[in-house]
Structure formats: C-alpha cells, structure tokens
PDB file of N, CA and C in Angstrom:
ATOM      1  N   MET A   1       0.846  -1.189   0.000  1.00  0.00           N
ATOM      2  CA  MET A   1       0.000   0.000   0.000  1.00  0.00           C
ATOM      3  C   MET A   1       0.889   1.248   0.000  1.00  0.00           C
ATOM      4  N   LYS A   2       0.494   2.236  -0.761  1.00  0.00           N
ATOM      5  CA  LYS A   2       1.263   3.476  -0.874  1.00  0.00           C
ATOM      6  C   LYS A   2       1.150   4.296   0.415  1.00  0.00           C
ATOM      7  N   PRO A   3       2.180   5.109   0.708  1.00  0.00           N
ATOM      8  CA  PRO A   3       2.128   5.952   1.917  1.00  0.00           C
ATOM      9  C   PRO A   3       0.926   6.900   1.946  1.00  0.00           C
ATOM     10  N   THR A   4       0.524   7.408   0.777  1.00  0.00           N
ATOM     11  CA  THR A   4      -0.642   8.304   0.751  1.00  0.00           C
ATOM     12  C   THR A   4      -1.903   7.557   1.161  1.00  0.00           C
ATOM     13  N   GLU A   5      -2.040   6.331   0.678  1.00  0.00           N
ATOM     14  CA  GLU A   5      -3.202   5.517   1.048  1.00  0.00           C
ATOM     15  C   GLU A   5      -3.189   5.207   2.538  1.00  0.00           C
ATOM     16  N   LEU A   6      -2.020   4.856   3.066  1.00  0.00           N
ATOM     17  CA  LEU A   6      -1.903   4.571   4.498  1.00  0.00           C
ATOM     18  C   LEU A   6      -2.269   5.794   5.334  1.00  0.00           C
ATOM     19  N   TYR A   7      -1.773   6.955   4.922  1.00  0.00           N
ATOM     20  CA  TYR A   7      -2.076   8.194   5.644  1.00  0.00           C
ATOM     21  C   TYR A   7      -3.585   8.383   5.743  1.00  0.00           C
ATOM     22  N   ILE A   8      -4.268   8.224   4.628  1.00  0.00           N
ATOM     23  CA  ILE A   8      -5.715   8.453   4.594  1.00  0.00           C
ATOM     24  C   ILE A   8      -6.465   7.369   5.361  1.00  0.00           C
ATOM     25  N   LEU A   9      -6.136   6.118   5.107  1.00  0.00           N
ATOM     26  CA  LEU A   9      -6.888   5.013   5.707  1.00  0.00           C
ATOM     27  C   LEU A   9      -6.675   4.866   7.209  1.00  0.00           C
ATOM     28  N   LYS A  10      -5.552   5.371   7.716  1.00  0.00           N
ATOM     29  CA  LYS A  10      -5.293   5.292   9.162  1.00  0.00           C
ATOM     30  C   LYS A  10      -5.938   6.434   9.949  1.00  0.00           C
ATOM     31  N   GLN A  11      -6.554   7.369   9.259  1.00  0.00           N
ATOM     32  CA  GLN A  11      -7.196   8.503   9.934  1.00  0.00           C
ATOM     33  C   GLN A  11      -8.496   8.046  10.594  1.00  0.00           C
ATOM     34  N   PRO A  12      -8.890   8.718  11.683  1.00  0.00           N
ATOM     35  CA  PRO A  12     -10.230   8.468  12.233  1.00  0.00           C
ATOM     36  C   PRO A  12     -11.280   8.745  11.153  1.00  0.00           C
ATOM     37  N   ALA A  13     -12.433   8.105  11.259  1.00  0.00           N
ATOM     38  CA  ALA A  13     -13.475   8.155  10.222  1.00  0.00           C
ATOM     39  C   ALA A  13     -13.807   9.574   9.775  1.00  0.00           C
ATOM     40  N   LYS A  14     -13.900  10.503  10.721  1.00  0.00           N
ATOM     41  CA  LYS A  14     -14.251  11.894  10.384  1.00  0.00           C
ATOM     42  C   LYS A  14     -13.293  12.467   9.340  1.00  0.00           C
ATOM     43  N   TYR A  15     -12.001  12.314   9.579  1.00  0.00           N
ATOM     44  CA  TYR A  15     -10.989  12.862   8.675  1.00  0.00           C
ATOM     45  C   TYR A  15     -10.868  12.017   7.411  1.00  0.00           C
ATOM     46  N   ARG A  16     -10.929  10.702   7.562  1.00  0.00           N
ATOM     47  CA  ARG A  16     -10.817   9.800   6.416  1.00  0.00           C
ATOM     48  C   ARG A  16     -11.901  10.097   5.381  1.00  0.00           C
ATOM     49  N   ASP A  17     -13.133  10.283   5.836  1.00  0.00           N
ATOM     50  CA  ASP A  17     -14.233  10.570   4.908  1.00  0.00           C
ATOM     51  C   ASP A  17     -14.006  11.874   4.150  1.00  0.00           C
ATOM     52  N   ILE A  18     -13.541  12.901   4.865  1.00  0.00           N
ATOM     53  CA  ILE A  18     -13.254  14.191   4.224  1.00  0.00           C
ATOM     54  C   ILE A  18     -12.124  14.027   3.208  1.00  0.00           C
ATOM     55  N   LEU A  19     -11.053  13.361   3.616  1.00  0.00           N
ATOM     56  CA  LEU A  19      -9.898  13.175   2.734  1.00  0.00           C
ATOM     57  C   LEU A  19     -10.267  12.392   1.475  1.00  0.00           C
ATOM     58  N   LEU A  20     -11.002  11.308   1.634  1.00  0.00           N
ATOM     59  CA  LEU A  20     -11.402  10.507   0.474  1.00  0.00           C
ATOM     60  C   LEU A  20     -12.272  11.308  -0.485  1.00  0.00           C
ATOM     61  N   HIS A  21     -13.154  12.123   0.067  1.00  0.00           N
ATOM     62  CA  HIS A  21     -14.015  12.956  -0.776  1.00  0.00           C
ATOM     63  C   HIS A  21     -13.180  13.973  -1.560  1.00  0.00           C
ATOM     64  N   ILE A  22     -12.262  14.627  -0.873  1.00  0.00           N
ATOM     65  CA  ILE A  22     -11.430  15.644  -1.530  1.00  0.00           C
ATOM     66  C   ILE A  22     -10.563  15.009  -2.616  1.00  0.00           C
ATOM     67  N   VAL A  23      -9.971  13.860  -2.324  1.00  0.00           N
ATOM     68  CA  VAL A  23      -9.163  13.163  -3.331  1.00  0.00           C
ATOM     69  C   VAL A  23     -10.008  12.875  -4.571  1.00  0.00           C
ATOM     70  N   ALA A  24     -11.218  12.387  -4.371  1.00  0.00           N
ATOM     71  CA  ALA A  24     -12.104  12.077  -5.500  1.00  0.00           C
ATOM     72  C   ALA A  24     -12.421  13.326  -6.319  1.00  0.00           C
ATOM     73  N   VAL A  25     -12.703  14.440  -5.645  1.00  0.00           N
ATOM     74  CA  VAL A  25     -13.039  15.680  -6.352  1.00  0.00           C
ATOM     75  C   VAL A  25     -11.825  16.209  -7.118  1.00  0.00           C
ATOM     76  N   VAL A  26     -10.663  16.220  -6.474  1.00  0.00           N
ATOM     77  CA  VAL A  26      -9.455  16.724  -7.140  1.00  0.00           C
ATOM     78  C   VAL A  26      -9.131  15.865  -8.360  1.00  0.00           C
ATOM     79  N   GLU A  27      -9.138  14.542  -8.189  1.00  0.00           N
ATOM     80  CA  GLU A  27      -8.782  13.658  -9.299  1.00  0.00           C
ATOM     81  C   GLU A  27      -9.814  13.704 -10.429  1.00  0.00           C
ATOM     82  N   HIS A  28     -11.068  13.930 -10.100  1.00  0.00           N
ATOM     83  CA  HIS A  28     -12.103  14.047 -11.133  1.00  0.00           C
ATOM     84  C   HIS A  28     -11.972  15.381 -11.891  1.00  0.00           C
ATOM     85  N   THR A  29     -11.668  16.453 -11.140  1.00  0.00           N
ATOM     86  CA  THR A  29     -11.567  17.785 -11.731  1.00  0.00           C
ATOM     87  C   THR A  29     -10.282  17.955 -12.528  1.00  0.00           C
ATOM     88  N   LEU A  30      -9.219  17.345 -12.046  1.00  0.00           N
ATOM     89  CA  LEU A  30      -7.898  17.508 -12.658  1.00  0.00           C
ATOM     90  C   LEU A  30      -7.229  16.132 -12.773  1.00  0.00           C
ATOM     91  N   PRO A  31      -7.664  15.317 -13.737  1.00  0.00           N
ATOM     92  CA  PRO A  31      -7.171  13.939 -13.828  1.00  0.00           C
ATOM     93  C   PRO A  31      -5.664  13.816 -14.061  1.00  0.00           C
ATOM     94  N   GLU A  32      -5.025  14.888 -14.478  1.00  0.00           N
ATOM     95  CA  GLU A  32      -3.581  14.844 -14.757  1.00  0.00           C
ATOM     96  C   GLU A  32      -2.726  14.879 -13.491  1.00  0.00           C
ATOM     97  N   VAL A  33      -3.319  15.128 -12.327  1.00  0.00           N
ATOM     98  CA  VAL A  33      -2.525  15.227 -11.102  1.00  0.00           C
ATOM     99  C   VAL A  33      -2.005  13.860 -10.676  1.00  0.00           C
ATOM    100  N   THR A  34      -0.921  13.893  -9.912  1.00  0.00           N
ATOM    101  CA  THR A  34      -0.426  12.685  -9.251  1.00  0.00           C
ATOM    102  C   THR A  34      -0.449  12.952  -7.759  1.00  0.00           C
ATOM    103  N   LEU A  35      -0.808  11.937  -6.998  1.00  0.00           N
ATOM    104  CA  LEU A  35      -0.855  12.063  -5.543  1.00  0.00           C
ATOM    105  C   LEU A  35       0.393  11.414  -4.977  1.00  0.00           C
ATOM    106  N   GLU A  36       1.215  12.223  -4.330  1.00  0.00           N
ATOM    107  CA  GLU A  36       2.472  11.748  -3.764  1.00  0.00           C
ATOM    108  C   GLU A  36       2.463  11.970  -2.259  1.00  0.00           C
ATOM    109  N   TYR A  37       3.473  11.427  -1.604  1.00  0.00           N
ATOM    110  CA  TYR A  37       3.599  11.578  -0.156  1.00  0.00           C
ATOM    111  C   TYR A  37       4.852  12.407   0.111  1.00  0.00           C
ATOM    112  N   LYS A  38       4.652  13.670   0.458  1.00  0.00           N
ATOM    113  CA  LYS A  38       5.768  14.594   0.689  1.00  0.00           C
ATOM    114  C   LYS A  38       5.572  15.291   2.028  1.00  0.00           C
ATOM    115  N   TRP A  39       6.645  15.472   2.757  1.00  0.00           N
ATOM    116  CA  TRP A  39       6.620  16.180   4.033  1.00  0.00           C
ATOM    117  C   TRP A  39       5.635  15.549   5.024  1.00  0.00           C
ATOM    118  N   GLY A  40       5.428  14.241   4.890  1.00  0.00           N
ATOM    119  CA  GLY A  40       4.572  13.518   5.824  1.00  0.00           C
ATOM    120  C   GLY A  40       3.079  13.633   5.568  1.00  0.00           C
ATOM    121  N   ILE A  41       2.693  14.185   4.409  1.00  0.00           N
ATOM    122  CA  ILE A  41       1.272  14.345   4.075  1.00  0.00           C
ATOM    123  C   ILE A  41       1.049  14.075   2.583  1.00  0.00           C
ATOM    124  N   PRO A  42      -0.195  13.767   2.188  1.00  0.00           N
ATOM    125  CA  PRO A  42      -0.495  13.618   0.761  1.00  0.00           C
ATOM    126  C   PRO A  42      -0.394  14.972   0.046  1.00  0.00           C
ATOM    127  N   TYR A  43       0.272  14.962  -1.083  1.00  0.00           N
ATOM    128  CA  TYR A  43       0.485  16.195  -1.839  1.00  0.00           C
ATOM    129  C   TYR A  43       0.217  15.914  -3.314  1.00  0.00           C
ATOM    130  N   PHE A  44      -0.710  16.657  -3.893  1.00  0.00           N
ATOM    131  CA  PHE A  44      -0.984  16.542  -5.324  1.00  0.00           C
ATOM    132  C   PHE A  44       0.043  17.354  -6.096  1.00  0.00           C
ATOM    133  N   TYR A  45       0.525  16.754  -7.183  1.00  0.00           N
ATOM    134  CA  TYR A  45       1.441  17.442  -8.093  1.00  0.00           C
ATOM    135  C   TYR A  45       0.759  17.581  -9.446  1.00  0.00           C
ATOM    136  N   TYR A  46       0.951  18.741 -10.055  1.00  0.00           N
ATOM    137  CA  TYR A  46       0.408  19.012 -11.382  1.00  0.00           C
ATOM    138  C   TYR A  46       1.551  19.526 -12.248  1.00  0.00           C
ATOM    139  N   LYS A  47       1.744  18.918 -13.377  1.00  0.00           N
ATOM    140  CA  LYS A  47       2.871  19.237 -14.263  1.00  0.00           C
ATOM    141  C   LYS A  47       4.198  19.143 -13.507  1.00  0.00           C
ATOM    142  N   LYS A  48       4.282  18.130 -12.647  1.00  0.00           N
ATOM    143  CA  LYS A  48       5.474  17.822 -11.848  1.00  0.00           C
ATOM    144  C   LYS A  48       5.814  18.904 -10.827  1.00  0.00           C
ATOM    145  N   LYS A  49       4.846  19.757 -10.506  1.00  0.00           N
ATOM    146  CA  LYS A  49       5.059  20.819  -9.519  1.00  0.00           C
ATOM    147  C   LYS A  49       4.020  20.693  -8.408  1.00  0.00           C
ATOM    148  N   PRO A  50       4.382  21.102  -7.180  1.00  0.00           N
ATOM    149  CA  PRO A  50       3.421  21.036  -6.076  1.00  0.00           C
ATOM    150  C   PRO A  50       2.150  21.819  -6.406  1.00  0.00           C
ATOM    151  N   PHE A  51       0.999  21.182  -6.213  1.00  0.00           N
ATOM    152  CA  PHE A  51      -0.289  21.805  -6.520  1.00  0.00           C
ATOM    153  C   PHE A  51      -1.087  22.076  -5.244  1.00  0.00           C
ATOM    154  N   CYS A  52      -1.439  21.024  -4.518  1.00  0.00           N
ATOM    155  CA  CYS A  52      -2.136  21.211  -3.243  1.00  0.00           C
ATOM    156  C   CYS A  52      -1.887  20.014  -2.338  1.00  0.00           C
ATOM    157  N   TYR A  53      -1.954  20.261  -1.039  1.00  0.00           N
ATOM    158  CA  TYR A  53      -1.736  19.188  -0.070  1.00  0.00           C
ATOM    159  C   TYR A  53      -2.983  18.968   0.767  1.00  0.00           C
ATOM    160  N   LEU A  54      -3.021  17.821   1.422  1.00  0.00           N
ATOM    161  CA  LEU A  54      -4.103  17.474   2.332  1.00  0.00           C
ATOM    162  C   LEU A  54      -3.498  17.216   3.703  1.00  0.00           C
ATOM    163  N   ASN A  55      -4.009  17.891   4.710  1.00  0.00           N
ATOM    164  CA  ASN A  55      -3.481  17.717   6.059  1.00  0.00           C
ATOM    165  C   ASN A  55      -4.624  17.608   7.056  1.00  0.00           C
ATOM    166  N   ALA A  56      -4.682  16.475   7.739  1.00  0.00           N
ATOM    167  CA  ALA A  56      -5.684  16.284   8.790  1.00  0.00           C
ATOM    168  C   ALA A  56      -5.092  16.772  10.106  1.00  0.00           C
ATOM    169  N   SER A  57      -5.637  17.840  10.644  1.00  0.00           N
ATOM    170  CA  SER A  57      -5.171  18.396  11.915  1.00  0.00           C
ATOM    171  C   SER A  57      -6.080  17.891  13.036  1.00  0.00           C
ATOM    172  N   HIS A  58      -5.612  16.877  13.739  1.00  0.00           N
ATOM    173  CA  HIS A  58      -6.409  16.313  14.833  1.00  0.00           C
ATOM    174  C   HIS A  58      -6.529  17.316  15.974  1.00  0.00           C
ATOM    175  N   LYS A  59      -5.474  18.057  16.217  1.00  0.00           N
ATOM    176  CA  LYS A  59      -5.480  19.041  17.305  1.00  0.00           C
ATOM    177  C   LYS A  59      -6.570  20.087  17.101  1.00  0.00           C
ATOM    178  N   HIS A  60      -6.697  20.581  15.889  1.00  0.00           N
ATOM    179  CA  HIS A  60      -7.670  21.640  15.598  1.00  0.00           C
ATOM    180  C   HIS A  60      -8.948  21.103  14.943  1.00  0.00           C
ATOM    181  N   GLN A  61      -8.975  19.807  14.674  1.00  0.00           N
ATOM    182  CA  GLN A  61     -10.157  19.092  14.185  1.00  0.00           C
ATOM    183  C   GLN A  61     -10.656  19.555  12.813  1.00  0.00           C
ATOM    184  N   PHE A  62      -9.732  19.691  11.872  1.00  0.00           N
ATOM    185  CA  PHE A  62     -10.123  20.031  10.506  1.00  0.00           C
ATOM    186  C   PHE A  62      -9.181  19.368   9.515  1.00  0.00           C
ATOM    187  N   VAL A  63      -9.574  19.410   8.254  1.00  0.00           N
ATOM    188  CA  VAL A  63      -8.709  18.993   7.153  1.00  0.00           C
ATOM    189  C   VAL A  63      -8.427  20.230   6.318  1.00  0.00           C
ATOM    190  N   ASP A  64      -7.160  20.483   6.097  1.00  0.00           N
ATOM    191  CA  ASP A  64      -6.716  21.604   5.280  1.00  0.00           C
ATOM    192  C   ASP A  64      -6.422  21.109   3.868  1.00  0.00           C
ATOM    193  N   VAL A  65      -6.897  21.849   2.882  1.00  0.00           N
ATOM    194  CA  VAL A  65      -6.517  21.626   1.488  1.00  0.00           C
ATOM    195  C   VAL A  65      -5.724  22.869   1.108  1.00  0.00           C
ATOM    196  N   GLY A  66      -4.404  22.763   1.206  1.00  0.00           N
ATOM    197  CA  GLY A  66      -3.538  23.916   0.990  1.00  0.00           C
ATOM    198  C   GLY A  66      -3.058  24.006  -0.442  1.00  0.00           C
ATOM    199  N   PHE A  67      -3.265  25.153  -1.048  1.00  0.00           N
ATOM    200  CA  PHE A  67      -2.879  25.363  -2.450  1.00  0.00           C
ATOM    201  C   PHE A  67      -1.531  26.072  -2.514  1.00  0.00           C
ATOM    202  N   ALA A  68      -0.584  25.436  -3.225  1.00  0.00           N
ATOM    203  CA  ALA A  68       0.789  25.928  -3.289  1.00  0.00           C
ATOM    204  C   ALA A  68       0.885  27.358  -3.810  1.00  0.00           C
ATOM    205  N   LYS A  69       0.019  27.738  -4.722  1.00  0.00           N
ATOM    206  CA  LYS A  69       0.030  29.105  -5.259  1.00  0.00           C
ATOM    207  C   LYS A  69      -1.190  29.876  -4.763  1.00  0.00           C
ATOM    208  N   GLY A  70      -1.570  29.604  -3.535  1.00  0.00           N
ATOM    209  CA  GLY A  70      -2.789  30.174  -2.967  1.00  0.00           C
ATOM    210  C   GLY A  70      -2.845  31.686  -2.947  1.00  0.00           C
ATOM    211  N   PHE A  71      -1.709  32.336  -2.738  1.00  0.00           N
ATOM    212  CA  PHE A  71      -1.710  33.798  -2.677  1.00  0.00           C
ATOM    213  C   PHE A  71      -1.894  34.432  -4.052  1.00  0.00           C
ATOM    214  N   GLN A  72      -1.797  33.638  -5.099  1.00  0.00           N
ATOM    215  CA  GLN A  72      -2.039  34.154  -6.447  1.00  0.00           C
ATOM    216  C   GLN A  72      -3.500  34.005  -6.868  1.00  0.00           C
ATOM    217  N   LEU A  73      -4.274  33.282  -6.070  1.00  0.00           N
ATOM    218  CA  LEU A  73      -5.692  33.091  -6.389  1.00  0.00           C
ATOM    219  C   LEU A  73      -6.462  34.380  -6.139  1.00  0.00           C
ATOM    220  N   LYS A  74      -7.401  34.689  -7.016  1.00  0.00           N
ATOM    221  CA  LYS A  74      -8.178  35.933  -6.906  1.00  0.00           C
ATOM    222  C   LYS A  74      -9.610  35.686  -6.437  1.00  0.00           C
ATOM    223  N   ASN A  75     -10.185  34.557  -6.830  1.00  0.00           N
ATOM    224  CA  ASN A  75     -11.584  34.265  -6.517  1.00  0.00           C
ATOM    225  C   ASN A  75     -11.710  33.496  -5.199  1.00  0.00           C
ATOM    226  N   ASN A  76     -12.902  33.472  -4.665  1.00  0.00           N
ATOM    227  CA  ASN A  76     -13.230  32.699  -3.457  1.00  0.00           C
ATOM    228  C   ASN A  76     -12.399  33.093  -2.234  1.00  0.00           C
ATOM    229  N   GLN A  77     -11.979  34.341  -2.166  1.00  0.00           N
ATOM    230  CA  GLN A  77     -11.149  34.788  -1.050  1.00  0.00           C
ATOM    231  C   GLN A  77     -11.846  34.651   0.304  1.00  0.00           C
ATOM    232  N   GLU A  78     -13.170  34.714   0.300  1.00  0.00           N
ATOM    233  CA  GLU A  78     -13.900  34.600   1.564  1.00  0.00           C
ATOM    234  C   GLU A  78     -13.822  33.187   2.140  1.00  0.00           C
ATOM    235  N   TYR A  79     -13.364  32.223   1.342  1.00  0.00           N
ATOM    236  CA  TYR A  79     -13.248  30.835   1.804  1.00  0.00           C
ATOM    237  C   TYR A  79     -11.804  30.401   2.017  1.00  0.00           C
ATOM    238  N   LEU A  80     -10.866  31.119   1.430  1.00  0.00           N
ATOM    239  CA  LEU A  80      -9.456  30.750   1.512  1.00  0.00           C
ATOM    240  C   LEU A  80      -8.820  31.340   2.767  1.00  0.00           C
ATOM    241  N   ILE A  81      -8.064  30.509   3.451  1.00  0.00           N
ATOM    242  CA  ILE A  81      -7.460  30.900   4.723  1.00  0.00           C
ATOM    243  C   ILE A  81      -5.952  31.028   4.548  1.00  0.00           C
ATOM    244  N   ALA A  82      -5.414  32.114   5.075  1.00  0.00           N
ATOM    245  CA  ALA A  82      -3.968  32.329   5.081  1.00  0.00           C
ATOM    246  C   ALA A  82      -3.539  32.456   6.535  1.00  0.00           C
ATOM    247  N   ASP A  83      -3.071  31.356   7.103  1.00  0.00           N
ATOM    248  CA  ASP A  83      -2.641  31.391   8.494  1.00  0.00           C
ATOM    249  C   ASP A  83      -1.418  32.281   8.663  1.00  0.00           C
ATOM    250  N   LYS A  84      -1.235  32.735   9.881  1.00  0.00           N
ATOM    251  CA  LYS A  84      -0.094  33.586  10.219  1.00  0.00           C
ATOM    252  C   LYS A  84       1.204  32.896   9.802  1.00  0.00           C
ATOM    253  N   GLY A  85       2.056  33.640   9.155  1.00  0.00           N
ATOM    254  CA  GLY A  85       3.338  33.112   8.724  1.00  0.00           C
ATOM    255  C   GLY A  85       3.339  32.522   7.319  1.00  0.00           C
ATOM    256  N   ARG A  86       2.179  32.365   6.740  1.00  0.00           N
ATOM    257  CA  ARG A  86       2.117  31.843   5.372  1.00  0.00           C
ATOM    258  C   ARG A  86       2.286  32.994   4.387  1.00  0.00           C
ATOM    259  N   ASN A  87       3.084  32.752   3.349  1.00  0.00           N
ATOM    260  CA  ASN A  87       3.227  33.792   2.336  1.00  0.00           C
ATOM    261  C   ASN A  87       3.024  33.270   0.916  1.00  0.00           C
ATOM    262  N   THR A  88       2.747  31.983   0.774  1.00  0.00           N
ATOM    263  CA  THR A  88       2.438  31.446  -0.550  1.00  0.00           C
ATOM    264  C   THR A  88       1.181  30.581  -0.540  1.00  0.00           C
ATOM    265  N   ILE A  89       0.949  29.876   0.545  1.00  0.00           N
ATOM    266  CA  ILE A  89      -0.155  28.911   0.604  1.00  0.00           C
ATOM    267  C   ILE A  89      -1.401  29.515   1.239  1.00  0.00           C
ATOM    268  N   LYS A  90      -2.530  29.267   0.592  1.00  0.00           N
ATOM    269  CA  LYS A  90      -3.840  29.530   1.181  1.00  0.00           C
ATOM    270  C   LYS A  90      -4.602  28.220   1.121  1.00  0.00           C
ATOM    271  N   SER A  91      -5.506  28.026   2.064  1.00  0.00           N
ATOM    272  CA  SER A  91      -6.177  26.736   2.109  1.00  0.00           C
ATOM    273  C   SER A  91      -7.676  26.850   2.305  1.00  0.00           C
ATOM    274  N   LEU A  92      -8.345  25.796   1.870  1.00  0.00           N
ATOM    275  CA  LEU A  92      -9.745  25.586   2.199  1.00  0.00           C
ATOM    276  C   LEU A  92      -9.727  24.669   3.414  1.00  0.00           C
ATOM    277  N   ARG A  93     -10.539  24.962   4.389  1.00  0.00           N
ATOM    278  CA  ARG A  93     -10.521  24.222   5.652  1.00  0.00           C
ATOM    279  C   ARG A  93     -11.887  23.604   5.896  1.00  0.00           C
ATOM    280  N   TYR A  94     -11.876  22.301   6.156  1.00  0.00           N
ATOM    281  CA  TYR A  94     -13.132  21.574   6.346  1.00  0.00           C
ATOM    282  C   TYR A  94     -13.170  20.885   7.706  1.00  0.00           C
ATOM    283  N   TYR A  95     -14.248  21.161   8.443  1.00  0.00           N
ATOM    284  CA  TYR A  95     -14.441  20.575   9.766  1.00  0.00           C
ATOM    285  C   TYR A  95     -15.323  19.334   9.726  1.00  0.00           C
ATOM    286  N   ASN A  96     -16.125  19.191   8.672  1.00  0.00           N
ATOM    287  CA  ASN A  96     -16.910  17.970   8.491  1.00  0.00           C
ATOM    288  C   ASN A  96     -17.289  17.818   7.020  1.00  0.00           C
ATOM    289  N   LEU A  97     -17.598  16.595   6.661  1.00  0.00           N
ATOM    290  CA  LEU A  97     -17.881  16.254   5.270  1.00  0.00           C
ATOM    291  C   LEU A  97     -19.067  17.026   4.715  1.00  0.00           C
ATOM    292  N   GLU A  98     -20.076  17.216   5.523  1.00  0.00           N
ATOM    293  CA  GLU A  98     -21.305  17.869   5.071  1.00  0.00           C
ATOM    294  C   GLU A  98     -21.096  19.331   4.685  1.00  0.00           C
ATOM    295  N   LYS A  99     -20.054  19.959   5.185  1.00  0.00           N
ATOM    296  CA  LYS A  99     -19.805  21.380   4.912  1.00  0.00           C
ATOM    297  C   LYS A  99     -18.980  21.619   3.645  1.00  0.00           C
ATOM    298  N   ILE A 100     -18.581  20.550   2.979  1.00  0.00           N
ATOM    299  CA  ILE A 100     -17.800  20.726   1.752  1.00  0.00           C
ATOM    300  C   ILE A 100     -18.726  21.167   0.631  1.00  0.00           C
ATOM    301  N   ASP A 101     -18.428  22.327   0.083  1.00  0.00           N
ATOM    302  CA  ASP A 101     -19.168  22.834  -1.072  1.00  0.00           C
ATOM    303  C   ASP A 101     -18.337  22.489  -2.309  1.00  0.00           C
ATOM    304  N   ASN A 102     -18.768  21.467  -3.028  1.00  0.00           N
ATOM    305  CA  ASN A 102     -18.002  21.007  -4.195  1.00  0.00           C
ATOM    306  C   ASN A 102     -17.806  22.092  -5.238  1.00  0.00           C
ATOM    307  N   ALA A 103     -18.782  22.965  -5.407  1.00  0.00           N
ATOM    308  CA  ALA A 103     -18.667  24.033  -6.408  1.00  0.00           C
ATOM    309  C   ALA A 103     -17.493  24.953  -6.076  1.00  0.00           C
ATOM    310  N   ILE A 104     -17.325  25.290  -4.807  1.00  0.00           N
ATOM    311  CA  ILE A 104     -16.208  26.152  -4.394  1.00  0.00           C
ATOM    312  C   ILE A 104     -14.893  25.409  -4.552  1.00  0.00           C
ATOM    313  N   LEU A 105     -14.840  24.171  -4.087  1.00  0.00           N
ATOM    314  CA  LEU A 105     -13.618  23.375  -4.204  1.00  0.00           C
ATOM    315  C   LEU A 105     -13.198  23.253  -5.668  1.00  0.00           C
ATOM    316  N   ILE A 106     -14.120  22.933  -6.532  1.00  0.00           N
ATOM    317  CA  ILE A 106     -13.819  22.793  -7.964  1.00  0.00           C
ATOM    318  C   ILE A 106     -13.385  24.130  -8.565  1.00  0.00           C
ATOM    319  N   SER A 107     -14.036  25.201  -8.173  1.00  0.00           N
ATOM    320  CA  SER A 107     -13.675  26.531  -8.667  1.00  0.00           C
ATOM    321  C   SER A 107     -12.236  26.884  -8.293  1.00  0.00           C
ATOM    322  N   VAL A 108     -11.849  26.601  -7.053  1.00  0.00           N
ATOM    323  CA  VAL A 108     -10.482  26.894  -6.603  1.00  0.00           C
ATOM    324  C   VAL A 108      -9.486  26.008  -7.350  1.00  0.00           C
ATOM    325  N   ILE A 109      -9.801  24.736  -7.510  1.00  0.00           N
ATOM    326  CA  ILE A 109      -8.918  23.825  -8.252  1.00  0.00           C
ATOM    327  C   ILE A 109      -8.711  24.332  -9.679  1.00  0.00           C
ATOM    328  N   GLU A 110      -9.792  24.713 -10.337  1.00  0.00           N
ATOM    329  CA  GLU A 110      -9.688  25.178 -11.727  1.00  0.00           C
ATOM    330  C   GLU A 110      -8.913  26.485 -11.839  1.00  0.00           C
ATOM    331  N   GLU A 111      -9.120  27.392 -10.886  1.00  0.00           N
ATOM    332  CA  GLU A 111      -8.352  28.641 -10.920  1.00  0.00           C
ATOM    333  C   GLU A 111      -6.874  28.368 -10.660  1.00  0.00           C
ATOM    334  N   ALA A 112      -6.582  27.504  -9.695  1.00  0.00           N
ATOM    335  CA  ALA A 112      -5.192  27.173  -9.382  1.00  0.00           C
ATOM    336  C   ALA A 112      -4.517  26.501 -10.578  1.00  0.00           C
ATOM    337  N   LYS A 113      -5.237  25.652 -11.280  1.00  0.00           N
ATOM    338  CA  LYS A 113      -4.697  24.970 -12.468  1.00  0.00           C
ATOM    339  C   LYS A 113      -4.207  25.984 -13.498  1.00  0.00           C
ATOM    340  N   ALA A 114      -4.945  27.061 -13.658  1.00  0.00           N
ATOM    341  CA  ALA A 114      -4.595  28.080 -14.655  1.00  0.00           C
ATOM    342  C   ALA A 114      -3.280  28.791 -14.331  1.00  0.00           C
ATOM    343  N   LEU A 115      -2.786  28.653 -13.109  1.00  0.00           N
ATOM    344  CA  LEU A 115      -1.530  29.304 -12.705  1.00  0.00           C
ATOM    345  C   LEU A 115      -0.299  28.487 -13.102  1.00  0.00           C
ATOM    346  N   TYR A 116      -0.510  27.302 -13.664  1.00  0.00           N
ATOM    347  CA  TYR A 116       0.611  26.421 -14.014  1.00  0.00           C
ATOM    348  C   TYR A 116       0.856  26.389 -15.504  1.00  0.00           C
TER     349      TYR A 116
END
C-alpha cells in the first residue's frame, strides 16, 4: 500500500471521509494530477510541480486543502485561509464532510490549475 493511502486510511473516520471525498473531487476535476507523499502528508502534483496538499489536523479538528500558489488566487477569497506566517499557501478548511461545497472546491482547483 502506498504511503498516501496509508495516511488516509489510518485517519479516524471523520478525517478519512473528508480526505477521500477531496481526493475524488481533485482527481475528477484535474485527472492529470499525481498524488504523492511529501513532508509527511499527501500532496498533489500538477505538471510535476506542487499543486495542493491534504493535512488532517487532529489538534484543531479540521482537514486543510492547501494550495501551493494560494496567494495568487483571486476568486473565493472569503473561503481561503492564510494562516499567520504563510506567504504562498492559502487553504480551504473543512471541519466535516457535510460542509464541503463542491462548487467552491472545484472553482479553486480550476483557478489554481490556470496558474501552471
């Protein structure tokens, strides 16, 4: 089993469900991506460059979908989070599966794709 699969499958159900959903949406929206295991987390690569990562934060109880060129994104700013100290990555943050708005996620993925 690949490290990315292990990372996802070993998560508690709450995080695993969110992660599996996000992986499905990203791969459906951008089939050219590859899912790799970098820096201890699943990281999507597009055109051999870092695209977005998935991080389950048990301490803060959310899943972050961090976009490598997040600060270059113009749309959906009300949903993108730039934590203190970040200067390139912005993320979509999900606390439960039901709160994922696929239209927003897909919109951010498509806008980020255009930056490559």
